[in-house]
Amino acid sequence: MKRIILFILIFCLETGYVFARRGVDSSFIPIDGEPETREWKDPYLGMEFVWVEGGCYEMGDTFGDGDSDEKPVHRVCVDGFWMGKYEVTFEEYDRFCEETGRIKPGDEGWGRGRRPVINVSWHDAKAFAKWLSHKTGRTFRLPTEAEWEFACRSGGKKVKYSTSTGDLSHDLANYSGTGGKDRWKYTSPVGSFLPNPLGLYDMSGNVWEWCEDVYDWYAYRHHSRRNPIYTGSGSYRVKRGGSWYDSPGDVRCAYRFRSMPGNRDSYLGFRLVSE
């Protein structure tokens, strides 16, 4: 009997440890109702999130065709996190504006609803994350640059593009030009193309995505090994992923770019993460 009780205690402790590491939380609603699902909805807006298991990877220009700010290639490790399955949409952001009295961003006449929100600054994105955190009691934020690239590369794999195959064509993503399945001259509704192997959509193309980090050309020289984020001096903030406007080189997972945190553009949006 003592052995049975001891076995049950060990099993419970180990199971609890696994769930704690995975970040499973009752404040998230499982999409398919199964207790170990890796996809969840937040309880207020119903935004869908995908669990990204933490790990270590080679961050930067692993293909040797990038810019010097993507160097040096360096090994970093990130803890697991929940990442928005899609870029934040006009539908979700408009509700934030309606409840807070903020002016809704313009859609350039391209449509709202399930299209990714555009014309939002880094400060706007941070305000949205803070509002949703208050509404749900759970912390939402912008991804760090290291988290974003790890997720773009389907858990740190050596892939150039965040598509269903790791390749790039107009059948797989929305970037400069049209053709194949890409019939949109500008933004496309989120989820219009197949996701990457983690189940994340539009990480390459559609709209640029704000990250938490301050941008610096030499940021990688200052990265810590675990959960790096550059917070040094600098006026710019990092944006990743490229957009409907950009060439194939700009929608690579390793490509880094920058904008002033107050900028609002028709090719710039964001997605959230939660711990």
C-alpha atoms as a PDB file:
ATOM      1  CA  MET A   1       0.000   0.000   0.000  1.00  0.00           C
ATOM      2  CA  LYS A   2       2.812   2.417   0.849  1.00  0.00           C
ATOM      3  CA  ARG A   3       4.372   1.785  -2.554  1.00  0.00           C
ATOM      4  CA  ILE A   4       1.065   2.565  -4.296  1.00  0.00           C
ATOM      5  CA  ILE A   5       0.629   5.828  -2.395  1.00  0.00           C
ATOM      6  CA  LEU A   6       4.224   6.818  -3.129  1.00  0.00           C
ATOM      7  CA  PHE A   7       3.709   6.078  -6.853  1.00  0.00           C
ATOM      8  CA  ILE A   8       0.552   8.243  -6.941  1.00  0.00           C
ATOM      9  CA  LEU A   9       2.338  11.143  -5.229  1.00  0.00           C
ATOM     10  CA  ILE A  10       5.259  10.976  -7.658  1.00  0.00           C
ATOM     11  CA  PHE A  11       2.902  10.810 -10.646  1.00  0.00           C
ATOM     12  CA  CYS A  12       0.943  13.863  -9.457  1.00  0.00           C
ATOM     13  CA  LEU A  13       4.087  15.876  -8.835  1.00  0.00           C
ATOM     14  CA  GLU A  14       5.548  15.030 -12.230  1.00  0.00           C
ATOM     15  CA  THR A  15       2.269  15.733 -14.027  1.00  0.00           C
ATOM     16  CA  GLY A  16       1.915  19.061 -12.258  1.00  0.00           C
ATOM     17  CA  TYR A  17       5.460  19.955 -13.216  1.00  0.00           C
ATOM     18  CA  VAL A  18       4.806  19.242 -16.896  1.00  0.00           C
ATOM     19  CA  PHE A  19       1.660  21.359 -16.966  1.00  0.00           C
ATOM     20  CA  ALA A  20       3.416  24.194 -15.150  1.00  0.00           C
ATOM     21  CA  ARG A  21       6.173  24.214 -17.755  1.00  0.00           C
ATOM     22  CA  ARG A  22       3.693  24.130 -20.619  1.00  0.00           C
ATOM     23  CA  GLY A  23       1.873  27.107 -19.258  1.00  0.00           C
ATOM     24  CA  VAL A  24      -1.559  25.447 -19.215  1.00  0.00           C
ATOM     25  CA  ASP A  25      -3.868  27.824 -17.411  1.00  0.00           C
ATOM     26  CA  SER A  26      -7.579  27.736 -16.629  1.00  0.00           C
ATOM     27  CA  SER A  27      -7.887  31.335 -17.814  1.00  0.00           C
ATOM     28  CA  PHE A  28      -7.405  30.023 -21.350  1.00  0.00           C
ATOM     29  CA  ILE A  29     -10.221  28.142 -23.065  1.00  0.00           C
ATOM     30  CA  PRO A  30      -9.125  25.061 -25.060  1.00  0.00           C
ATOM     31  CA  ILE A  31     -10.409  25.253 -28.633  1.00  0.00           C
ATOM     32  CA  ASP A  32     -11.158  21.570 -29.004  1.00  0.00           C
ATOM     33  CA  GLY A  33     -12.030  20.904 -25.368  1.00  0.00           C
ATOM     34  CA  GLU A  34      -9.142  18.519 -24.757  1.00  0.00           C
ATOM     35  CA  PRO A  35      -7.075  19.219 -21.628  1.00  0.00           C
ATOM     36  CA  GLU A  36      -3.649  18.934 -23.310  1.00  0.00           C
ATOM     37  CA  THR A  37      -4.388  20.943 -26.432  1.00  0.00           C
ATOM     38  CA  ARG A  38      -1.648  23.286 -27.645  1.00  0.00           C
ATOM     39  CA  GLU A  39      -4.160  25.829 -28.901  1.00  0.00           C
ATOM     40  CA  TRP A  40      -6.181  28.138 -26.669  1.00  0.00           C
ATOM     41  CA  LYS A  41      -8.497  31.111 -26.823  1.00  0.00           C
ATOM     42  CA  ASP A  42      -8.323  34.082 -24.511  1.00  0.00           C
ATOM     43  CA  PRO A  43     -11.589  34.389 -22.559  1.00  0.00           C
ATOM     44  CA  TYR A  44     -12.374  38.000 -23.528  1.00  0.00           C
ATOM     45  CA  LEU A  45     -11.824  38.478 -27.258  1.00  0.00           C
ATOM     46  CA  GLY A  46     -11.514  34.843 -28.227  1.00  0.00           C
ATOM     47  CA  MET A  47      -8.069  35.407 -29.757  1.00  0.00           C
ATOM     48  CA  GLU A  48      -6.406  32.102 -30.605  1.00  0.00           C
ATOM     49  CA  PHE A  49      -2.958  31.242 -29.256  1.00  0.00           C
ATOM     50  CA  VAL A  50      -0.526  28.439 -30.033  1.00  0.00           C
ATOM     51  CA  TRP A  51       1.897  27.009 -27.486  1.00  0.00           C
ATOM     52  CA  VAL A  52       5.531  27.347 -28.599  1.00  0.00           C
ATOM     53  CA  GLU A  53       7.720  24.910 -26.687  1.00  0.00           C
ATOM     54  CA  GLY A  54      10.940  26.573 -25.555  1.00  0.00           C
ATOM     55  CA  GLY A  55      14.357  25.566 -26.821  1.00  0.00           C
ATOM     56  CA  CYS A  56      17.736  26.674 -28.122  1.00  0.00           C
ATOM     57  CA  TYR A  57      18.659  27.631 -31.677  1.00  0.00           C
ATOM     58  CA  GLU A  58      21.129  29.466 -33.893  1.00  0.00           C
ATOM     59  CA  MET A  59      19.734  32.989 -34.258  1.00  0.00           C
ATOM     60  CA  GLY A  60      20.653  35.155 -37.214  1.00  0.00           C
ATOM     61  CA  ASP A  61      21.845  34.790 -40.800  1.00  0.00           C
ATOM     62  CA  THR A  62      22.274  31.015 -40.950  1.00  0.00           C
ATOM     63  CA  PHE A  63      22.027  30.993 -44.771  1.00  0.00           C
ATOM     64  CA  GLY A  64      24.796  33.546 -45.314  1.00  0.00           C
ATOM     65  CA  ASP A  65      22.764  35.873 -47.531  1.00  0.00           C
ATOM     66  CA  GLY A  66      21.586  38.408 -44.982  1.00  0.00           C
ATOM     67  CA  ASP A  67      22.618  41.848 -43.798  1.00  0.00           C
ATOM     68  CA  SER A  68      25.384  42.456 -41.284  1.00  0.00           C
ATOM     69  CA  ASP A  69      22.877  43.342 -38.537  1.00  0.00           C
ATOM     70  CA  GLU A  70      21.803  39.661 -38.680  1.00  0.00           C
ATOM     71  CA  LYS A  71      25.283  38.710 -37.487  1.00  0.00           C
ATOM     72  CA  PRO A  72      26.944  37.203 -35.662  1.00  0.00           C
ATOM     73  CA  VAL A  73      24.923  34.007 -35.768  1.00  0.00           C
ATOM     74  CA  HIS A  74      24.692  33.068 -32.100  1.00  0.00           C
ATOM     75  CA  ARG A  75      23.052  30.384 -30.007  1.00  0.00           C
ATOM     76  CA  VAL A  76      20.214  31.534 -27.772  1.00  0.00           C
ATOM     77  CA  CYS A  77      17.588  29.784 -25.679  1.00  0.00           C
ATOM     78  CA  VAL A  78      14.004  30.891 -25.056  1.00  0.00           C
ATOM     79  CA  ASP A  79      11.440  29.659 -22.567  1.00  0.00           C
ATOM     80  CA  GLY A  80       8.101  28.393 -23.817  1.00  0.00           C
ATOM     81  CA  PHE A  81       5.349  30.903 -24.558  1.00  0.00           C
ATOM     82  CA  TRP A  82       1.907  31.267 -26.102  1.00  0.00           C
ATOM     83  CA  MET A  83       1.918  33.131 -29.421  1.00  0.00           C
ATOM     84  CA  GLY A  84      -0.987  34.593 -31.327  1.00  0.00           C
ATOM     85  CA  LYS A  85      -2.037  32.190 -34.046  1.00  0.00           C
ATOM     86  CA  TYR A  86      -2.785  35.188 -36.259  1.00  0.00           C
ATOM     87  CA  GLU A  87      -1.794  38.826 -36.452  1.00  0.00           C
ATOM     88  CA  VAL A  88      -4.150  41.012 -34.411  1.00  0.00           C
ATOM     89  CA  THR A  89      -7.131  41.868 -36.610  1.00  0.00           C
ATOM     90  CA  PHE A  90      -9.185  45.003 -37.107  1.00  0.00           C
ATOM     91  CA  GLU A  91     -12.105  43.172 -35.510  1.00  0.00           C
ATOM     92  CA  GLU A  92     -10.126  42.689 -32.293  1.00  0.00           C
ATOM     93  CA  TYR A  93      -8.431  46.066 -32.282  1.00  0.00           C
ATOM     94  CA  ASP A  94     -11.663  47.952 -33.053  1.00  0.00           C
ATOM     95  CA  ARG A  95     -13.239  46.538 -29.912  1.00  0.00           C
ATOM     96  CA  PHE A  96     -10.302  47.878 -27.900  1.00  0.00           C
ATOM     97  CA  CYS A  97     -10.862  51.308 -29.451  1.00  0.00           C
ATOM     98  CA  GLU A  98     -14.601  51.224 -28.777  1.00  0.00           C
ATOM     99  CA  GLU A  99     -14.116  50.321 -25.111  1.00  0.00           C
ATOM    100  CA  THR A 100     -11.348  52.850 -24.473  1.00  0.00           C
ATOM    101  CA  GLY A 101     -12.513  55.744 -26.632  1.00  0.00           C
ATOM    102  CA  ARG A 102      -9.455  55.640 -28.875  1.00  0.00           C
ATOM    103  CA  ILE A 103      -9.670  56.675 -32.519  1.00  0.00           C
ATOM    104  CA  LYS A 104      -9.832  53.642 -34.792  1.00  0.00           C
ATOM    105  CA  PRO A 105      -6.932  53.313 -37.241  1.00  0.00           C
ATOM    106  CA  GLY A 106      -7.690  53.737 -40.928  1.00  0.00           C
ATOM    107  CA  ASP A 107      -7.909  50.689 -43.181  1.00  0.00           C
ATOM    108  CA  GLU A 108      -6.903  52.446 -46.448  1.00  0.00           C
ATOM    109  CA  GLY A 109     -10.197  51.287 -47.942  1.00  0.00           C
ATOM    110  CA  TRP A 110      -9.046  47.660 -48.022  1.00  0.00           C
ATOM    111  CA  GLY A 111     -11.538  46.387 -45.412  1.00  0.00           C
ATOM    112  CA  ARG A 112     -11.551  45.626 -41.710  1.00  0.00           C
ATOM    113  CA  GLY A 113     -12.936  42.508 -39.997  1.00  0.00           C
ATOM    114  CA  ARG A 114     -10.421  39.669 -40.246  1.00  0.00           C
ATOM    115  CA  ARG A 115      -7.743  41.667 -42.031  1.00  0.00           C
ATOM    116  CA  PRO A 116      -4.686  42.445 -39.890  1.00  0.00           C
ATOM    117  CA  VAL A 117      -4.906  45.806 -38.165  1.00  0.00           C
ATOM    118  CA  ILE A 118      -2.581  48.383 -39.755  1.00  0.00           C
ATOM    119  CA  ASN A 119      -1.611  51.979 -39.048  1.00  0.00           C
ATOM    120  CA  VAL A 120      -0.799  51.156 -35.428  1.00  0.00           C
ATOM    121  CA  SER A 121       2.326  52.347 -33.630  1.00  0.00           C
ATOM    122  CA  TRP A 122       4.490  50.401 -31.201  1.00  0.00           C
ATOM    123  CA  HIS A 123       2.844  52.430 -28.431  1.00  0.00           C
ATOM    124  CA  ASP A 124      -0.613  51.472 -29.739  1.00  0.00           C
ATOM    125  CA  ALA A 125       0.325  47.792 -29.733  1.00  0.00           C
ATOM    126  CA  LYS A 126       1.631  48.045 -26.180  1.00  0.00           C
ATOM    127  CA  ALA A 127      -1.579  49.771 -25.063  1.00  0.00           C
ATOM    128  CA  PHE A 128      -3.685  46.993 -26.624  1.00  0.00           C
ATOM    129  CA  ALA A 129      -1.634  44.336 -24.808  1.00  0.00           C
ATOM    130  CA  LYS A 130      -1.994  46.181 -21.496  1.00  0.00           C
ATOM    131  CA  TRP A 131      -5.768  46.522 -21.995  1.00  0.00           C
ATOM    132  CA  LEU A 132      -6.208  42.821 -22.777  1.00  0.00           C
ATOM    133  CA  SER A 133      -4.045  41.903 -19.789  1.00  0.00           C
ATOM    134  CA  HIS A 134      -6.331  43.974 -17.548  1.00  0.00           C
ATOM    135  CA  LYS A 135      -9.453  42.405 -19.038  1.00  0.00           C
ATOM    136  CA  THR A 136      -8.259  38.810 -18.641  1.00  0.00           C
ATOM    137  CA  GLY A 137      -5.948  38.938 -15.620  1.00  0.00           C
ATOM    138  CA  ARG A 138      -3.209  37.359 -17.699  1.00  0.00           C
ATOM    139  CA  THR A 139      -0.102  39.059 -19.067  1.00  0.00           C
ATOM    140  CA  PHE A 140      -0.036  39.764 -22.797  1.00  0.00           C
ATOM    141  CA  ARG A 141       2.849  41.551 -24.505  1.00  0.00           C
ATOM    142  CA  LEU A 142       4.793  41.934 -27.717  1.00  0.00           C
ATOM    143  CA  PRO A 143       7.234  39.118 -28.505  1.00  0.00           C
ATOM    144  CA  THR A 144      10.930  39.647 -28.072  1.00  0.00           C
ATOM    145  CA  GLU A 145      12.958  39.511 -31.250  1.00  0.00           C
ATOM    146  CA  ALA A 146      14.430  36.145 -30.188  1.00  0.00           C
ATOM    147  CA  GLU A 147      10.992  34.668 -29.476  1.00  0.00           C
ATOM    148  CA  TRP A 148       9.651  35.961 -32.767  1.00  0.00           C
ATOM    149  CA  GLU A 149      12.451  34.413 -34.849  1.00  0.00           C
ATOM    150  CA  PHE A 150      12.253  31.136 -32.922  1.00  0.00           C
ATOM    151  CA  ALA A 151       8.529  30.875 -33.705  1.00  0.00           C
ATOM    152  CA  CYS A 152       8.992  32.042 -37.311  1.00  0.00           C
ATOM    153  CA  ARG A 153      11.481  29.239 -37.800  1.00  0.00           C
ATOM    154  CA  SER A 154       9.067  26.653 -36.404  1.00  0.00           C
ATOM    155  CA  GLY A 155      10.966  26.162 -33.171  1.00  0.00           C
ATOM    156  CA  GLY A 156      14.387  27.350 -34.306  1.00  0.00           C
ATOM    157  CA  LYS A 157      14.793  25.118 -37.362  1.00  0.00           C
ATOM    158  CA  LYS A 158      17.062  26.214 -40.195  1.00  0.00           C
ATOM    159  CA  VAL A 159      14.337  27.476 -42.519  1.00  0.00           C
ATOM    160  CA  LYS A 160      14.392  30.684 -44.513  1.00  0.00           C
ATOM    161  CA  TYR A 161      10.663  31.422 -44.677  1.00  0.00           C
ATOM    162  CA  SER A 162       7.809  30.816 -42.267  1.00  0.00           C
ATOM    163  CA  THR A 163       5.494  28.998 -44.668  1.00  0.00           C
ATOM    164  CA  SER A 164       4.015  25.519 -44.646  1.00  0.00           C
ATOM    165  CA  THR A 165       7.034  24.213 -46.586  1.00  0.00           C
ATOM    166  CA  GLY A 166       9.790  26.681 -45.683  1.00  0.00           C
ATOM    167  CA  ASP A 167       9.884  27.853 -49.298  1.00  0.00           C
ATOM    168  CA  LEU A 168       8.373  31.024 -50.742  1.00  0.00           C
ATOM    169  CA  SER A 169       5.852  31.532 -53.534  1.00  0.00           C
ATOM    170  CA  HIS A 170       2.575  33.367 -54.021  1.00  0.00           C
ATOM    171  CA  ASP A 171       0.802  30.116 -53.250  1.00  0.00           C
ATOM    172  CA  LEU A 172       2.336  30.209 -49.758  1.00  0.00           C
ATOM    173  CA  ALA A 173       2.433  33.852 -48.613  1.00  0.00           C
ATOM    174  CA  ASN A 174       1.390  37.450 -49.303  1.00  0.00           C
ATOM    175  CA  TYR A 175       4.361  39.561 -50.363  1.00  0.00           C
ATOM    176  CA  SER A 176       5.150  42.019 -53.166  1.00  0.00           C
ATOM    177  CA  GLY A 177       3.172  41.209 -56.308  1.00  0.00           C
ATOM    178  CA  THR A 178       0.353  38.740 -56.839  1.00  0.00           C
ATOM    179  CA  GLY A 179      -0.169  35.329 -58.403  1.00  0.00           C
ATOM    180  CA  GLY A 180      -1.113  31.807 -57.429  1.00  0.00           C
ATOM    181  CA  LYS A 181      -3.295  31.883 -54.317  1.00  0.00           C
ATOM    182  CA  ASP A 182      -2.176  35.433 -53.559  1.00  0.00           C
ATOM    183  CA  ARG A 183      -4.897  37.506 -55.196  1.00  0.00           C
ATOM    184  CA  TRP A 184      -4.522  40.424 -52.777  1.00  0.00           C
ATOM    185  CA  LYS A 185      -2.684  43.521 -53.895  1.00  0.00           C
ATOM    186  CA  TYR A 186      -2.499  44.737 -50.299  1.00  0.00           C
ATOM    187  CA  THR A 187      -3.245  42.942 -46.994  1.00  0.00           C
ATOM    188  CA  SER A 188      -5.004  39.597 -46.998  1.00  0.00           C
ATOM    189  CA  PRO A 189      -7.393  38.291 -44.315  1.00  0.00           C
ATOM    190  CA  VAL A 190      -5.405  36.475 -41.637  1.00  0.00           C
ATOM    191  CA  GLY A 191      -5.110  32.747 -42.243  1.00  0.00           C
ATOM    192  CA  SER A 192      -5.504  32.982 -46.018  1.00  0.00           C
ATOM    193  CA  PHE A 193      -2.464  30.739 -46.516  1.00  0.00           C
ATOM    194  CA  LEU A 194      -1.371  27.533 -44.804  1.00  0.00           C
ATOM    195  CA  PRO A 195       0.425  27.971 -41.454  1.00  0.00           C
ATOM    196  CA  ASN A 196       3.988  27.072 -40.585  1.00  0.00           C
ATOM    197  CA  PRO A 197       4.538  23.697 -38.852  1.00  0.00           C
ATOM    198  CA  LEU A 198       3.821  25.237 -35.434  1.00  0.00           C
ATOM    199  CA  GLY A 199       0.370  26.346 -36.630  1.00  0.00           C
ATOM    200  CA  LEU A 200       1.232  30.065 -36.886  1.00  0.00           C
ATOM    201  CA  TYR A 201      -0.077  32.060 -39.838  1.00  0.00           C
ATOM    202  CA  ASP A 202       1.429  34.924 -41.856  1.00  0.00           C
ATOM    203  CA  MET A 203       4.785  35.103 -40.098  1.00  0.00           C
ATOM    204  CA  SER A 204       6.351  35.777 -43.503  1.00  0.00           C
ATOM    205  CA  GLY A 205       4.545  38.606 -45.276  1.00  0.00           C
ATOM    206  CA  ASN A 206       1.109  40.248 -44.989  1.00  0.00           C
ATOM    207  CA  VAL A 207       2.153  42.916 -42.433  1.00  0.00           C
ATOM    208  CA  TRP A 208       5.306  43.738 -40.492  1.00  0.00           C
ATOM    209  CA  GLU A 209       5.032  42.851 -36.806  1.00  0.00           C
ATOM    210  CA  TRP A 210       6.276  44.987 -33.924  1.00  0.00           C
ATOM    211  CA  CYS A 211       8.636  43.357 -31.421  1.00  0.00           C
ATOM    212  CA  GLU A 212       9.474  44.472 -27.898  1.00  0.00           C
ATOM    213  CA  ASP A 213      13.178  45.143 -28.509  1.00  0.00           C
ATOM    214  CA  VAL A 214      14.964  48.410 -29.076  1.00  0.00           C
ATOM    215  CA  TYR A 215      16.633  48.217 -32.494  1.00  0.00           C
ATOM    216  CA  ASP A 216      20.399  48.396 -32.709  1.00  0.00           C
ATOM    217  CA  TRP A 217      22.571  47.363 -35.663  1.00  0.00           C
ATOM    218  CA  TYR A 218      24.927  45.545 -33.268  1.00  0.00           C
ATOM    219  CA  ALA A 219      22.299  44.156 -30.886  1.00  0.00           C
ATOM    220  CA  TYR A 220      23.404  40.557 -31.419  1.00  0.00           C
ATOM    221  CA  ARG A 221      26.792  41.353 -29.905  1.00  0.00           C
ATOM    222  CA  HIS A 222      25.021  42.152 -26.637  1.00  0.00           C
ATOM    223  CA  HIS A 223      22.556  39.255 -26.453  1.00  0.00           C
ATOM    224  CA  SER A 224      22.542  37.067 -23.393  1.00  0.00           C
ATOM    225  CA  ARG A 225      22.257  33.362 -24.063  1.00  0.00           C
ATOM    226  CA  ARG A 226      18.918  32.865 -22.330  1.00  0.00           C
ATOM    227  CA  ASN A 227      15.806  34.879 -23.247  1.00  0.00           C
ATOM    228  CA  PRO A 228      17.760  37.731 -24.851  1.00  0.00           C
ATOM    229  CA  ILE A 229      16.191  41.135 -25.388  1.00  0.00           C
ATOM    230  CA  TYR A 230      17.992  44.307 -26.352  1.00  0.00           C
ATOM    231  CA  THR A 231      16.892  47.247 -24.200  1.00  0.00           C
ATOM    232  CA  GLY A 232      19.837  49.584 -24.734  1.00  0.00           C
ATOM    233  CA  SER A 233      19.719  53.139 -25.975  1.00  0.00           C
ATOM    234  CA  GLY A 234      18.143  53.782 -29.344  1.00  0.00           C
ATOM    235  CA  SER A 235      15.207  55.577 -30.904  1.00  0.00           C
ATOM    236  CA  TYR A 236      13.931  52.712 -33.077  1.00  0.00           C
ATOM    237  CA  ARG A 237      12.001  49.542 -32.299  1.00  0.00           C
ATOM    238  CA  VAL A 238      12.337  46.195 -34.077  1.00  0.00           C
ATOM    239  CA  LYS A 239       9.798  44.970 -36.608  1.00  0.00           C
ATOM    240  CA  ARG A 240       9.871  41.562 -38.255  1.00  0.00           C
ATOM    241  CA  GLY A 241       8.334  39.458 -41.005  1.00  0.00           C
ATOM    242  CA  GLY A 242       7.963  41.777 -43.978  1.00  0.00           C
ATOM    243  CA  SER A 243       4.651  42.632 -45.626  1.00  0.00           C
ATOM    244  CA  TRP A 244       2.489  42.653 -48.731  1.00  0.00           C
ATOM    245  CA  TYR A 245       4.735  45.449 -49.998  1.00  0.00           C
ATOM    246  CA  ASP A 246       8.088  43.715 -49.555  1.00  0.00           C
ATOM    247  CA  SER A 247      10.436  41.569 -51.622  1.00  0.00           C
ATOM    248  CA  PRO A 248      11.362  37.942 -50.794  1.00  0.00           C
ATOM    249  CA  GLY A 249      14.544  39.049 -49.038  1.00  0.00           C
ATOM    250  CA  ASP A 250      12.530  41.104 -46.548  1.00  0.00           C
ATOM    251  CA  VAL A 251      10.134  38.323 -45.531  1.00  0.00           C
ATOM    252  CA  ARG A 252      12.939  35.981 -44.414  1.00  0.00           C
ATOM    253  CA  CYS A 253      12.737  34.811 -40.808  1.00  0.00           C
ATOM    254  CA  ALA A 254      16.187  36.248 -40.044  1.00  0.00           C
ATOM    255  CA  TYR A 255      15.573  39.674 -41.590  1.00  0.00           C
ATOM    256  CA  ARG A 256      15.587  42.605 -39.147  1.00  0.00           C
ATOM    257  CA  PHE A 257      14.177  46.069 -39.698  1.00  0.00           C
ATOM    258  CA  ARG A 258      13.181  49.092 -37.654  1.00  0.00           C
ATOM    259  CA  SER A 259      10.683  51.922 -37.239  1.00  0.00           C
ATOM    260  CA  MET A 260      10.245  54.772 -34.827  1.00  0.00           C
ATOM    261  CA  PRO A 261       7.849  53.655 -32.061  1.00  0.00           C
ATOM    262  CA  GLY A 262       5.362  56.385 -32.993  1.00  0.00           C
ATOM    263  CA  ASN A 263       5.188  55.423 -36.684  1.00  0.00           C
ATOM    264  CA  ARG A 264       1.925  54.202 -38.157  1.00  0.00           C
ATOM    265  CA  ASP A 265       2.051  52.618 -41.613  1.00  0.00           C
ATOM    266  CA  SER A 266      -0.230  50.700 -43.960  1.00  0.00           C
ATOM    267  CA  TYR A 267       2.097  47.686 -43.894  1.00  0.00           C
ATOM    268  CA  LEU A 268       2.696  47.501 -40.143  1.00  0.00           C
ATOM    269  CA  GLY A 269       0.753  45.573 -37.496  1.00  0.00           C
ATOM    270  CA  PHE A 270       1.527  43.143 -34.639  1.00  0.00           C
ATOM    271  CA  ARG A 271       0.730  39.921 -32.851  1.00  0.00           C
ATOM    272  CA  LEU A 272       0.842  39.128 -29.142  1.00  0.00           C
ATOM    273  CA  VAL A 273       2.428  36.544 -26.891  1.00  0.00           C
ATOM    274  CA  SER A 274       1.528  35.428 -23.382  1.00  0.00           C
ATOM    275  CA  GLU A 275       3.680  33.606 -20.879  1.00  0.00           C
END
